Amino acid sequence: MHRSLQIPEIVKLICEQLEVINPQTSEQFKCLAAFLRTCRAFHEPALSIVWSNVDSLVPLLKCMPRDLWMIEKETFKFNREIRPADCHGS
């Protein structure tokens, strides 16, 4: 990795250039998500941008186990009670 990418301010500026207006529908959001997976130096700053643009809880809830939830007629529903293990990625 180039030494300049070890400077948090530079990495943050690079990530901010990829910031999107509407991450729920934007193709740029997919680019930013792919970008954060390319290099450890980009991961945290890009991830911060991704989550700063979330305008609903649905993306966060979708991080929960797939058997816990469903979307029916554009409504998010739980299939069962939430267990402690659901919150820890177990």
C-alpha atoms as a PDB file:
ATOM      1  CA  MET A   1       0.000   0.000   0.000  1.00  0.00           C
ATOM      2  CA  HIS A   2       1.274   3.461  -0.831  1.00  0.00           C
ATOM      3  CA  ARG A   3       2.366   5.498   2.195  1.00  0.00           C
ATOM      4  CA  SER A   4      -0.108   8.269   1.389  1.00  0.00           C
ATOM      5  CA  LEU A   5      -2.950   5.824   2.035  1.00  0.00           C
ATOM      6  CA  GLN A   6      -1.764   5.514   5.614  1.00  0.00           C
ATOM      7  CA  ILE A   7      -2.770   9.130   6.247  1.00  0.00           C
ATOM      8  CA  PRO A   8      -6.387   9.079   7.516  1.00  0.00           C
ATOM      9  CA  GLU A   9      -7.158  12.576   6.211  1.00  0.00           C
ATOM     10  CA  ILE A  10      -6.196  11.600   2.646  1.00  0.00           C
ATOM     11  CA  VAL A  11      -8.210   8.390   2.778  1.00  0.00           C
ATOM     12  CA  LYS A  12     -11.210  10.317   4.112  1.00  0.00           C
ATOM     13  CA  LEU A  13     -10.953  12.846   1.256  1.00  0.00           C
ATOM     14  CA  ILE A  14     -10.834  10.025  -1.296  1.00  0.00           C
ATOM     15  CA  CYS A  15     -13.898   8.377   0.238  1.00  0.00           C
ATOM     16  CA  GLU A  16     -15.808  11.661   0.384  1.00  0.00           C
ATOM     17  CA  GLN A  17     -15.383  12.013  -3.384  1.00  0.00           C
ATOM     18  CA  LEU A  18     -17.446   8.841  -3.726  1.00  0.00           C
ATOM     19  CA  GLU A  19     -20.208  10.024  -1.392  1.00  0.00           C
ATOM     20  CA  VAL A  20     -23.698   9.639  -2.817  1.00  0.00           C
ATOM     21  CA  ILE A  21     -26.932  11.576  -2.475  1.00  0.00           C
ATOM     22  CA  ASN A  22     -29.454   8.712  -2.441  1.00  0.00           C
ATOM     23  CA  PRO A  23     -27.711   5.460  -1.479  1.00  0.00           C
ATOM     24  CA  GLN A  24     -30.876   3.373  -1.593  1.00  0.00           C
ATOM     25  CA  THR A  25     -31.189   3.631  -5.387  1.00  0.00           C
ATOM     26  CA  SER A  26     -27.870   4.952  -6.619  1.00  0.00           C
ATOM     27  CA  GLU A  27     -25.430   2.968  -8.706  1.00  0.00           C
ATOM     28  CA  GLN A  28     -22.763   5.039  -6.948  1.00  0.00           C
ATOM     29  CA  PHE A  29     -23.747   3.373  -3.676  1.00  0.00           C
ATOM     30  CA  LYS A  30     -22.785   0.007  -5.152  1.00  0.00           C
ATOM     31  CA  CYS A  31     -19.456   1.487  -6.237  1.00  0.00           C
ATOM     32  CA  LEU A  32     -18.820   2.848  -2.748  1.00  0.00           C
ATOM     33  CA  ALA A  33     -19.708  -0.507  -1.187  1.00  0.00           C
ATOM     34  CA  ALA A  34     -17.324  -2.279  -3.575  1.00  0.00           C
ATOM     35  CA  PHE A  35     -14.671   0.360  -2.917  1.00  0.00           C
ATOM     36  CA  LEU A  36     -14.753  -0.189   0.841  1.00  0.00           C
ATOM     37  CA  ARG A  37     -13.986  -3.866   0.265  1.00  0.00           C
ATOM     38  CA  THR A  38     -10.912  -3.220  -1.899  1.00  0.00           C
ATOM     39  CA  CYS A  39      -8.465  -2.079   0.756  1.00  0.00           C
ATOM     40  CA  ARG A  40      -8.365  -2.088   4.548  1.00  0.00           C
ATOM     41  CA  ALA A  41      -7.386   1.581   4.540  1.00  0.00           C
ATOM     42  CA  PHE A  42     -10.657   2.474   2.774  1.00  0.00           C
ATOM     43  CA  HIS A  43     -12.935   0.226   4.804  1.00  0.00           C
ATOM     44  CA  GLU A  44     -13.738   2.365   7.864  1.00  0.00           C
ATOM     45  CA  PRO A  45     -13.993   5.776   6.147  1.00  0.00           C
ATOM     46  CA  ALA A  46     -16.116   4.404   3.301  1.00  0.00           C
ATOM     47  CA  LEU A  47     -18.300   2.432   5.695  1.00  0.00           C
ATOM     48  CA  SER A  48     -18.916   5.611   7.686  1.00  0.00           C
ATOM     49  CA  ILE A  49     -20.119   7.330   4.520  1.00  0.00           C
ATOM     50  CA  VAL A  50     -22.373   4.397   3.618  1.00  0.00           C
ATOM     51  CA  TRP A  51     -24.087   4.415   7.025  1.00  0.00           C
ATOM     52  CA  SER A  52     -24.278   8.216   7.245  1.00  0.00           C
ATOM     53  CA  ASN A  53     -26.549   8.226   4.186  1.00  0.00           C
ATOM     54  CA  VAL A  54     -29.050   5.649   5.394  1.00  0.00           C
ATOM     55  CA  ASP A  55     -32.504   7.194   5.644  1.00  0.00           C
ATOM     56  CA  SER A  56     -34.372   4.272   7.200  1.00  0.00           C
ATOM     57  CA  LEU A  57     -33.763   1.376   9.574  1.00  0.00           C
ATOM     58  CA  VAL A  58     -34.411  -1.257   6.901  1.00  0.00           C
ATOM     59  CA  PRO A  59     -30.760  -1.605   5.762  1.00  0.00           C
ATOM     60  CA  LEU A  60     -29.698  -2.022   9.381  1.00  0.00           C
ATOM     61  CA  LEU A  61     -32.441  -4.572  10.034  1.00  0.00           C
ATOM     62  CA  LYS A  62     -31.385  -6.481   6.915  1.00  0.00           C
ATOM     63  CA  CYS A  63     -28.063  -7.123   8.678  1.00  0.00           C
ATOM     64  CA  MET A  64     -29.972  -9.439  11.010  1.00  0.00           C
ATOM     65  CA  PRO A  65     -30.246 -13.165  10.159  1.00  0.00           C
ATOM     66  CA  ARG A  66     -32.363 -13.771   7.059  1.00  0.00           C
ATOM     67  CA  ASP A  67     -34.761 -16.131   8.847  1.00  0.00           C
ATOM     68  CA  LEU A  68     -35.637 -13.353  11.312  1.00  0.00           C
ATOM     69  CA  TRP A  69     -37.323 -10.992   8.865  1.00  0.00           C
ATOM     70  CA  MET A  70     -39.242 -10.679   5.625  1.00  0.00           C
ATOM     71  CA  ILE A  71     -40.532  -7.894   3.422  1.00  0.00           C
ATOM     72  CA  GLU A  72     -44.139  -8.245   2.379  1.00  0.00           C
ATOM     73  CA  LYS A  73     -45.880  -5.583   0.278  1.00  0.00           C
ATOM     74  CA  GLU A  74     -43.069  -3.105   1.028  1.00  0.00           C
ATOM     75  CA  THR A  75     -43.511  -3.684   4.781  1.00  0.00           C
ATOM     76  CA  PHE A  76     -40.699  -5.036   6.930  1.00  0.00           C
ATOM     77  CA  LYS A  77     -41.929  -7.827   9.231  1.00  0.00           C
ATOM     78  CA  PHE A  78     -40.297 -10.068  11.800  1.00  0.00           C
ATOM     79  CA  ASN A  79     -40.859 -13.824  11.471  1.00  0.00           C
ATOM     80  CA  ARG A  80     -39.957 -14.566  15.075  1.00  0.00           C
ATOM     81  CA  GLU A  81     -38.657 -12.992  18.273  1.00  0.00           C
ATOM     82  CA  ILE A  82     -35.185 -11.497  18.250  1.00  0.00           C
ATOM     83  CA  ARG A  83     -32.664 -13.576  20.220  1.00  0.00           C
ATOM     84  CA  PRO A  84     -29.377 -12.316  21.702  1.00  0.00           C
ATOM     85  CA  ALA A  85     -27.441 -14.425  19.183  1.00  0.00           C
ATOM     86  CA  ASP A  86     -29.153 -12.529  16.344  1.00  0.00           C
ATOM     87  CA  CYS A  87     -27.412  -9.336  17.413  1.00  0.00           C
ATOM     88  CA  HIS A  88     -23.930 -10.807  17.583  1.00  0.00           C
ATOM     89  CA  GLY A  89     -23.686 -12.479  14.210  1.00  0.00           C
ATOM     90  CA  SER A  90     -23.690 -15.952  15.748  1.00  0.00           C
END
